[in-house]
């Protein structure tokens, strides 16, 4: 029964990620409820959702044609920050990380809640794509530093990094939302990918759960997206926010 519930959680997370993002807020608590230690639950969730991150990037790949320079500027701080965040997580210890869980979940839920209003603001300002002017000068250096901090958090926990990365790309002056989503998806692959490799090397992954949930998340992203779209993105987002707040408050009260 436990395996069925985890598969369903991963399936739902994959469907949610395909239309709204925020799947970690489903998979991470599910693994905790299955008795997995806090750090192992986080690392296993990250590894399980990597295939979904790559598929999201692959769907946007045409938006980044002839954009290798942009990928390098965004990818480099993402890889370094993601790796350091993963190392930091591994050496944090379950006791300290357990104390951080309520705040991480509530913080990620808050980021998820403001994602859609932020996206609407970006869409209102969307026009052409001045990215060839944006990736240069002091603004580029500041954005790379900001992206490094986002990646550091992403490697450590990860939920909610999408809105933070869109903010970084907005700082660069990009306004084409499709290109921004493509760069965001690529950066997520870098962050989650290098974190997953680090967790695997450190042997912090519960493999039978990770493989099961990876299959579930891919199936959910492919087959569950239609159902999620029929329910409506607004209702999906509202459900994730309610679940995130409920889980965050529950873990906070449980540890108080």
Protein backbone atom coordinates (compact mmCIF):
# COMPACT_ATOMS: atom_id res chain seq x y z
CA UNK A 1 0.00 0.00 0.00
CA UNK A 2 2.86 2.37 0.82
CA UNK A 3 4.31 1.94 -2.68
CA UNK A 4 0.94 2.65 -4.27
CA UNK A 5 0.52 5.87 -2.27
CA UNK A 6 4.04 7.06 -3.17
CA UNK A 7 3.44 6.30 -6.85
CA UNK A 8 0.17 8.25 -6.74
CA UNK A 9 1.93 11.17 -5.00
CA UNK A 10 4.62 11.20 -7.69
CA UNK A 11 2.00 10.95 -10.43
CA UNK A 12 0.15 13.94 -8.98
CA UNK A 13 3.42 15.86 -8.61
CA UNK A 14 4.31 15.20 -12.25
CA UNK A 15 0.89 16.41 -13.39
CA UNK A 16 1.15 19.51 -11.19
CA UNK A 17 4.65 20.30 -12.47
CA UNK A 18 3.39 20.13 -16.05
CA UNK A 19 0.84 22.92 -15.50
CA UNK A 20 1.85 24.88 -12.43
CA UNK A 21 5.03 23.63 -10.75
CA UNK A 22 5.36 22.84 -7.06
CA UNK A 23 5.49 19.04 -7.24
CA UNK A 24 8.12 18.89 -4.49
CA UNK A 25 5.47 20.06 -2.03
CA UNK A 26 3.72 16.73 -2.71
CA UNK A 27 6.62 14.26 -3.03
CA UNK A 28 8.73 15.45 -0.09
CA UNK A 29 6.00 15.18 2.62
CA UNK A 30 4.87 11.87 1.11
CA UNK A 31 8.32 10.40 1.65
CA UNK A 32 8.41 11.78 5.19
CA UNK A 33 5.08 10.08 5.92
CA UNK A 34 6.55 6.83 4.58
CA UNK A 35 9.13 6.93 7.35
CA UNK A 36 12.07 8.18 5.28
CA UNK A 37 14.48 10.41 7.22
CA UNK A 38 14.23 14.16 6.40
CA UNK A 39 17.44 14.46 4.37
CA UNK A 40 16.89 11.16 2.55
CA UNK A 41 13.32 12.24 1.75
CA UNK A 42 14.61 15.46 0.19
CA UNK A 43 17.39 13.78 -1.79
CA UNK A 44 15.10 10.98 -2.99
CA UNK A 45 12.46 13.50 -4.07
CA UNK A 46 15.07 15.47 -6.03
CA UNK A 47 16.36 12.38 -7.85
CA UNK A 48 12.81 11.22 -8.60
CA UNK A 49 11.83 14.53 -10.21
CA UNK A 50 14.96 15.02 -12.36
CA UNK A 51 13.44 13.25 -15.42
CA UNK A 52 10.51 15.65 -15.23
CA UNK A 53 12.87 18.65 -15.14
CA UNK A 54 14.65 17.41 -18.25
CA UNK A 55 11.41 16.79 -20.12
CA UNK A 56 10.27 20.33 -19.32
CA UNK A 57 13.51 21.73 -20.75
CA UNK A 58 13.24 19.48 -23.83
CA UNK A 59 9.82 20.87 -24.56
CA UNK A 60 11.29 24.40 -24.68
CA UNK A 61 14.54 23.53 -26.49
CA UNK A 62 13.55 25.29 -29.74
CA UNK A 63 13.28 28.58 -27.83
CA UNK A 64 17.02 28.43 -27.11
CA UNK A 65 18.27 27.83 -30.63
CA UNK A 66 21.58 29.71 -31.11
CA UNK A 67 21.49 30.63 -27.41
CA UNK A 68 24.58 28.80 -26.16
CA UNK A 69 26.05 31.94 -24.59
CA UNK A 70 22.89 32.50 -22.57
CA UNK A 71 22.90 28.86 -21.43
CA UNK A 72 26.50 29.21 -20.26
CA UNK A 73 25.84 32.39 -18.25
CA UNK A 74 22.83 30.83 -16.52
CA UNK A 75 24.17 27.26 -16.34
CA UNK A 76 27.52 27.99 -14.68
CA UNK A 77 26.21 29.55 -11.43
CA UNK A 78 23.37 26.98 -11.45
CA UNK A 79 25.80 24.06 -11.49
CA UNK A 80 28.13 25.52 -8.86
CA UNK A 81 25.35 26.69 -6.56
CA UNK A 82 23.36 23.47 -6.98
CA UNK A 83 26.39 21.37 -6.08
CA UNK A 84 27.28 23.45 -3.01
CA UNK A 85 23.66 23.45 -1.84
CA UNK A 86 23.52 19.66 -2.14
CA UNK A 87 26.77 19.28 -0.20
CA UNK A 88 25.44 21.64 2.47
CA UNK A 89 22.28 19.54 2.78
CA UNK A 90 24.17 16.27 3.11
CA UNK A 91 26.30 17.71 5.93
CA UNK A 92 23.46 19.49 7.74
CA UNK A 93 22.28 16.42 9.62
CA UNK A 94 18.72 15.13 10.03
CA UNK A 95 18.18 16.77 13.42
CA UNK A 96 18.90 20.31 12.21
CA UNK A 97 17.19 19.80 8.85
CA UNK A 98 14.06 18.48 10.60
CA UNK A 99 13.81 21.79 12.49
CA UNK A 100 14.00 23.68 9.19
CA UNK A 101 11.32 21.61 7.40
CA UNK A 102 8.23 23.65 8.45
CA UNK A 103 9.85 26.93 7.41
CA UNK A 104 11.16 25.48 4.14
CA UNK A 105 7.71 24.15 3.24
CA UNK A 106 5.90 27.35 4.23
CA UNK A 107 8.48 29.50 2.45
CA UNK A 108 8.25 27.38 -0.71
CA UNK A 109 4.44 27.57 -0.53
CA UNK A 110 4.63 31.36 -0.30
CA UNK A 111 6.91 31.47 -3.37
CA UNK A 112 4.50 29.19 -5.19
CA UNK A 113 1.55 31.42 -4.23
CA UNK A 114 3.11 34.56 -5.76
CA UNK A 115 4.30 32.79 -8.90
CA UNK A 116 1.16 33.38 -10.94
CA UNK A 117 0.76 37.10 -10.09
CA UNK A 118 4.45 37.55 -10.94
CA UNK A 119 3.98 35.69 -14.23
CA UNK A 120 1.04 37.95 -15.14
CA UNK A 121 3.22 41.00 -14.58
CA UNK A 122 5.90 39.50 -16.83
CA UNK A 123 3.32 38.67 -19.50
CA UNK A 124 1.99 42.24 -19.49
CA UNK A 125 5.49 43.50 -20.17
CA UNK A 126 6.28 40.81 -22.75
CA UNK A 127 7.29 42.00 -26.18
CA UNK A 128 10.37 41.06 -28.15
CA UNK A 129 13.44 39.33 -26.81
CA UNK A 130 16.28 41.74 -26.06
CA UNK A 131 18.38 38.97 -24.49
CA UNK A 132 21.32 39.66 -26.79
CA UNK A 133 21.59 43.06 -25.09
CA UNK A 134 20.82 41.73 -21.60
CA UNK A 135 23.63 39.20 -21.15
CA UNK A 136 26.45 41.69 -20.66
CA UNK A 137 27.91 44.22 -18.23
CA UNK A 138 27.35 44.75 -14.52
CA UNK A 139 23.74 43.62 -14.69
CA UNK A 140 24.96 40.22 -15.94
CA UNK A 141 27.43 39.90 -13.06
CA UNK A 142 24.74 40.76 -10.49
CA UNK A 143 22.28 38.33 -12.05
CA UNK A 144 24.84 35.52 -12.08
CA UNK A 145 25.52 36.17 -8.38
CA UNK A 146 21.76 36.14 -7.70
CA UNK A 147 21.35 32.92 -9.71
CA UNK A 148 24.14 31.34 -7.66
CA UNK A 149 22.20 32.06 -4.45
CA UNK A 150 19.00 30.66 -6.01
CA UNK A 151 20.89 27.52 -7.07
CA UNK A 152 22.39 27.18 -3.59
CA UNK A 153 18.86 27.10 -2.17
CA UNK A 154 17.76 24.83 -5.02
CA UNK A 155 20.42 22.24 -4.27
CA UNK A 156 19.54 22.41 -0.57
CA UNK A 157 15.75 22.14 -0.88
CA UNK A 158 14.51 23.30 -4.26
CA UNK A 159 10.77 23.94 -4.03
CA UNK A 160 9.87 27.37 -5.40
CA UNK A 161 13.04 28.05 -7.40
CA UNK A 162 11.03 28.74 -10.56
CA UNK A 163 9.71 32.11 -9.40
CA UNK A 164 13.17 33.09 -8.12
CA UNK A 165 14.76 32.28 -11.47
CA UNK A 166 12.12 34.21 -13.41
CA UNK A 167 12.96 37.19 -11.20
CA UNK A 168 16.64 36.80 -12.09
CA UNK A 169 15.87 36.73 -15.81
CA UNK A 170 13.62 39.76 -15.39
CA UNK A 171 16.58 41.57 -13.81
CA UNK A 172 18.49 40.92 -17.04
CA UNK A 173 15.77 42.68 -18.97
CA UNK A 174 14.36 39.64 -20.79
CA UNK A 175 10.68 39.97 -21.70
CA UNK A 176 9.89 36.97 -23.93
CA UNK A 177 8.12 34.64 -21.49
CA UNK A 178 8.73 31.54 -23.62
CA UNK A 179 12.47 32.18 -23.75
CA UNK A 180 12.48 32.93 -20.02
CA UNK A 181 10.71 29.65 -19.30
CA UNK A 182 13.21 27.82 -21.50
CA UNK A 183 16.18 29.31 -19.63
CA UNK A 184 14.45 28.60 -16.30
CA UNK A 185 13.89 24.97 -17.31
CA UNK A 186 17.54 24.61 -18.36
CA UNK A 187 18.74 26.09 -15.07
CA UNK A 188 16.45 23.70 -13.17
CA UNK A 189 18.03 20.75 -15.02
CA UNK A 190 21.48 22.02 -14.01
CA UNK A 191 20.52 22.55 -10.36
CA UNK A 192 18.52 19.36 -9.89
CA UNK A 193 20.87 17.30 -12.03
CA UNK A 194 24.08 18.20 -10.21
CA UNK A 195 22.30 17.91 -6.84
CA UNK A 196 21.00 14.45 -7.79
CA UNK A 197 24.48 13.27 -8.83
CA UNK A 198 25.89 14.58 -5.53
CA UNK A 199 23.20 12.77 -3.53
CA UNK A 200 23.84 9.55 -5.46
CA UNK A 201 27.59 9.75 -4.84
CA UNK A 202 26.97 10.43 -1.15
CA UNK A 203 24.59 7.42 -1.06
CA UNK A 204 21.70 9.41 0.36
CA UNK A 205 19.02 8.13 -2.01
CA UNK A 206 16.37 5.52 -1.16
CA UNK A 207 16.50 3.88 -4.58
CA UNK A 208 13.39 1.71 -4.53
CA UNK A 209 11.32 4.81 -3.74
CA UNK A 210 13.25 7.06 -6.15
CA UNK A 211 12.77 4.74 -9.14
CA UNK A 212 9.11 4.16 -8.33
CA UNK A 213 8.45 7.90 -8.00
CA UNK A 214 10.47 8.78 -11.10
CA UNK A 215 8.20 6.50 -13.14
CA UNK A 216 5.17 8.01 -11.43
CA UNK A 217 6.27 11.61 -12.06
CA UNK A 218 6.99 10.97 -15.75
CA UNK A 219 3.64 9.20 -16.13
CA UNK A 220 1.91 12.06 -14.33
CA UNK A 221 3.61 14.69 -16.46
CA UNK A 222 2.62 12.87 -19.64
CA UNK A 223 -0.76 11.35 -18.81
CA UNK A 224 -1.97 13.40 -15.87
CA UNK A 225 -1.46 16.79 -17.47
CA UNK A 226 -4.73 16.47 -19.37
CA UNK A 227 -6.65 15.81 -16.18
CA UNK A 228 -4.89 18.70 -14.42
CA UNK A 229 -5.78 21.01 -17.29
CA UNK A 230 -9.41 19.94 -17.16
CA UNK A 231 -9.49 20.69 -13.44
CA UNK A 232 -8.02 24.07 -14.27
CA UNK A 233 -4.69 25.65 -13.41
CA UNK A 234 -6.30 27.94 -10.82
CA UNK A 235 -7.79 25.01 -8.93
CA UNK A 236 -4.56 23.02 -9.17
CA UNK A 237 -2.57 25.94 -7.80
CA UNK A 238 -5.08 26.55 -5.00
CA UNK A 239 -4.91 22.87 -4.02
CA UNK A 240 -1.11 22.93 -3.86
CA UNK A 241 -1.15 26.09 -1.73
CA UNK A 242 -3.71 24.62 0.70
CA UNK A 243 -1.74 21.38 0.95
CA UNK A 244 1.55 23.26 1.42
CA UNK A 245 0.18 25.48 4.19
CA UNK A 246 -1.50 22.52 5.92
CA UNK A 247 1.66 20.39 5.82
CA UNK A 248 3.85 23.31 6.91
CA UNK A 249 1.64 24.15 9.88
CA UNK A 250 1.30 20.47 10.81
CA UNK A 251 5.07 19.93 10.86
CA UNK A 252 5.53 23.19 12.76
CA UNK A 253 3.01 22.21 15.47
CA UNK A 254 4.36 18.67 15.60
CA UNK A 255 7.86 19.93 16.39
CA UNK A 256 6.81 22.69 18.80
